[in-house]
Amino acid sequence: MRPWREVLSFPALVFSAALNAACSKGPPSTEVPSVSQSPSSPQAAATPQALSTQPSASAREASASATPQATVPYPVVIGREVYQHYCMTCHGESGAGDGFNAFNLDPRPRDFSDPAFLKKSDADVREAIRRGGAGVGLSPLMPPWGRTLNDRQIEDLILYLRSLRRPPS
């Protein structure tokens, strides 16, 4: 008997996890809370008139004192979306070759943070994506994506793959 992880496809697994999470919370409450007319009550503070779209002073101070986050270039964001849609099931969320389908594959998918991969030129990576593993003398298990992804998506994907570098130890 095969384990259930081998039987379910990735979308079915995601759907079942979401369904389990939704069902574990129980049915939604249909009870309408009463709102007191007293301005000093906490319920009155939640009325539409009392709510403001402007952040509070303490929220503005907290966001100003927070460490600024590095901005990610837009092509890298698009590359991440392409990666998550087409590549993550085999190569894993962090690109370490440990995706959901990786245990079924021999040889294992490439680790994109590996220094050996980082030495490959963008042209080599582009051809591997476009022609597939068998097209460039690598694993025949990697499909060719040249008819699925356009040139811009492939370039953005390469930029994202280059961003998966391991921090120096």
Protein backbone atom coordinates (compact mmCIF):
# COMPACT_ATOMS: atom_id res chain seq x y z
CA MET A 1 0.00 0.00 0.00
CA ARG A 2 1.46 3.35 -1.03
CA PRO A 3 1.48 6.19 1.50
CA TRP A 4 -1.23 8.79 0.96
CA ARG A 5 1.37 11.45 -0.01
CA GLU A 6 2.28 9.44 -3.09
CA VAL A 7 -1.35 9.05 -4.14
CA LEU A 8 -2.50 12.67 -3.82
CA SER A 9 -1.41 15.28 -6.31
CA PHE A 10 -0.06 18.59 -5.05
CA PRO A 11 -3.28 20.59 -5.74
CA ALA A 12 -5.36 17.93 -4.01
CA LEU A 13 -3.04 18.03 -1.00
CA VAL A 14 -3.30 21.84 -0.79
CA PHE A 15 -7.09 21.68 -1.10
CA SER A 16 -7.40 19.02 1.61
CA ALA A 17 -5.15 21.03 3.97
CA ALA A 18 -7.25 24.16 3.42
CA LEU A 19 -10.45 22.19 3.93
CA ASN A 20 -9.15 20.65 7.15
CA ALA A 21 -8.12 24.08 8.44
CA ALA A 22 -11.52 25.58 7.62
CA CYS A 23 -13.43 22.68 9.20
CA SER A 24 -11.39 22.71 12.39
CA LYS A 25 -12.59 26.24 13.19
CA GLY A 26 -16.23 25.13 13.35
CA PRO A 27 -19.27 26.78 11.78
CA PRO A 28 -19.27 30.58 11.62
CA SER A 29 -21.28 32.39 14.25
CA THR A 30 -24.53 33.99 13.09
CA GLU A 31 -25.00 35.93 16.32
CA VAL A 32 -24.97 39.72 15.88
CA PRO A 33 -23.19 41.49 18.73
CA SER A 34 -25.08 44.30 20.37
CA VAL A 35 -23.54 47.76 20.38
CA SER A 36 -24.09 49.95 23.38
CA GLN A 37 -24.84 53.64 22.85
CA SER A 38 -22.49 54.60 25.67
CA PRO A 39 -19.46 56.34 24.15
CA SER A 40 -17.22 55.01 26.92
CA SER A 41 -17.94 51.32 26.20
CA PRO A 42 -15.43 49.34 24.11
CA GLN A 43 -18.21 48.28 21.73
CA ALA A 44 -19.06 51.90 20.91
CA ALA A 45 -15.46 52.51 19.88
CA ALA A 46 -15.92 49.92 17.10
CA THR A 47 -18.81 51.69 15.41
CA PRO A 48 -18.25 52.86 11.82
CA GLN A 49 -18.24 56.50 12.97
CA ALA A 50 -15.48 55.80 15.47
CA LEU A 51 -13.29 53.89 13.04
CA SER A 52 -10.78 55.84 11.03
CA THR A 53 -8.88 54.85 7.90
CA GLN A 54 -5.80 56.71 9.19
CA PRO A 55 -3.31 54.69 11.25
CA SER A 56 -3.02 55.63 14.90
CA ALA A 57 -0.06 57.66 16.12
CA SER A 58 1.40 54.62 17.89
CA ALA A 59 1.11 52.55 14.67
CA ARG A 60 2.88 55.29 12.69
CA GLU A 61 5.67 55.45 15.28
CA ALA A 62 6.07 51.67 15.29
CA SER A 63 6.28 51.51 11.51
CA ALA A 64 8.77 54.40 11.40
CA SER A 65 11.02 52.77 13.98
CA ALA A 66 10.84 49.33 12.35
CA THR A 67 13.77 48.16 10.32
CA PRO A 68 13.25 49.10 6.67
CA GLN A 69 12.73 46.05 4.51
CA ALA A 70 14.80 45.60 1.38
CA THR A 71 12.78 46.14 -1.74
CA VAL A 72 12.73 43.29 -4.22
CA PRO A 73 12.93 44.25 -7.90
CA TYR A 74 9.71 43.57 -9.82
CA PRO A 75 11.27 41.01 -12.23
CA VAL A 76 12.40 38.96 -9.21
CA VAL A 77 8.84 39.04 -7.83
CA ILE A 78 7.50 37.81 -11.19
CA GLY A 79 10.25 35.17 -11.27
CA ARG A 80 9.21 33.99 -7.81
CA GLU A 81 5.60 33.63 -8.99
CA VAL A 82 6.71 31.60 -12.03
CA TYR A 83 8.94 29.48 -9.77
CA GLN A 84 6.13 28.84 -7.29
CA HIS A 85 3.77 27.81 -10.08
CA TYR A 86 6.04 25.61 -12.19
CA CYS A 87 9.15 24.67 -10.20
CA MET A 88 8.41 24.51 -6.48
CA THR A 89 6.79 21.06 -6.45
CA CYS A 90 10.13 19.48 -7.36
CA HIS A 91 12.77 22.03 -6.35
CA GLY A 92 11.15 23.08 -3.06
CA GLU A 93 10.17 26.40 -1.56
CA SER A 94 13.75 27.48 -0.91
CA GLY A 95 15.18 25.90 -4.08
CA ALA A 96 17.06 23.23 -2.14
CA GLY A 97 15.76 20.36 -4.31
CA ASP A 98 13.47 19.13 -1.54
CA GLY A 99 10.04 19.79 -3.03
CA PHE A 100 6.94 17.66 -2.61
CA ASN A 101 7.73 15.49 -5.65
CA ALA A 102 11.49 15.29 -5.02
CA PHE A 103 11.31 11.99 -3.13
CA ASN A 104 9.89 10.34 -6.28
CA LEU A 105 12.73 11.51 -8.52
CA ASP A 106 16.11 9.94 -9.16
CA PRO A 107 18.29 11.92 -9.58
CA ARG A 108 17.01 14.48 -7.12
CA PRO A 109 16.19 17.99 -8.39
CA ARG A 110 19.00 20.54 -8.38
CA ASP A 111 19.72 22.69 -5.32
CA PHE A 112 19.71 26.26 -6.67
CA SER A 113 21.68 27.61 -3.71
CA ASP A 114 24.55 25.19 -4.39
CA PRO A 115 27.79 26.96 -5.42
CA ALA A 116 28.15 24.55 -8.37
CA PHE A 117 24.85 25.82 -9.78
CA LEU A 118 25.81 29.44 -9.18
CA LYS A 119 28.86 28.96 -11.43
CA LYS A 120 26.62 28.14 -14.40
CA SER A 121 26.07 31.00 -16.84
CA ASP A 122 22.64 32.51 -17.39
CA ALA A 123 22.73 31.15 -20.95
CA ASP A 124 23.22 27.58 -19.63
CA VAL A 125 20.37 27.96 -17.16
CA ARG A 126 18.16 29.52 -19.86
CA GLU A 127 18.75 26.57 -22.18
CA ALA A 128 18.08 24.05 -19.39
CA ILE A 129 14.75 25.74 -18.66
CA ARG A 130 13.84 26.12 -22.31
CA ARG A 131 14.91 22.66 -23.56
CA GLY A 132 14.52 20.62 -20.37
CA GLY A 133 17.06 18.40 -18.68
CA ALA A 134 17.29 15.89 -21.53
CA GLY A 135 17.84 18.71 -24.04
CA VAL A 136 21.03 19.82 -22.32
CA GLY A 137 22.39 16.44 -21.22
CA LEU A 138 21.03 16.55 -17.67
CA SER A 139 18.20 14.66 -15.99
CA PRO A 140 15.42 13.67 -18.41
CA LEU A 141 12.95 14.18 -15.55
CA MET A 142 13.02 17.96 -15.90
CA PRO A 143 10.46 18.93 -18.54
CA PRO A 144 11.16 21.52 -21.23
CA TRP A 145 9.41 24.80 -20.45
CA GLY A 146 10.24 26.61 -23.71
CA ARG A 147 6.71 26.33 -25.09
CA THR A 148 5.07 27.15 -21.76
CA LEU A 149 7.13 30.14 -20.59
CA ASN A 150 7.92 33.16 -22.73
CA ASP A 151 11.40 34.72 -22.85
CA ARG A 152 10.55 37.40 -20.26
CA GLN A 153 9.27 34.80 -17.79
CA ILE A 154 12.43 32.73 -18.25
CA GLU A 155 14.64 35.78 -17.67
CA ASP A 156 12.66 36.72 -14.53
CA LEU A 157 12.88 33.13 -13.33
CA ILE A 158 16.67 33.17 -13.73
CA LEU A 159 16.85 36.40 -11.71
CA TYR A 160 14.83 34.74 -8.97
CA LEU A 161 17.01 31.61 -9.03
CA ARG A 162 20.09 33.80 -8.61
CA SER A 163 18.47 35.38 -5.54
CA LEU A 164 18.33 31.99 -3.79
CA ARG A 165 22.04 32.09 -2.90
CA ARG A 166 23.05 30.76 0.47
CA PRO A 167 24.39 33.39 2.85
CA PRO A 168 28.17 33.03 3.26
CA SER A 169 29.08 30.92 6.29
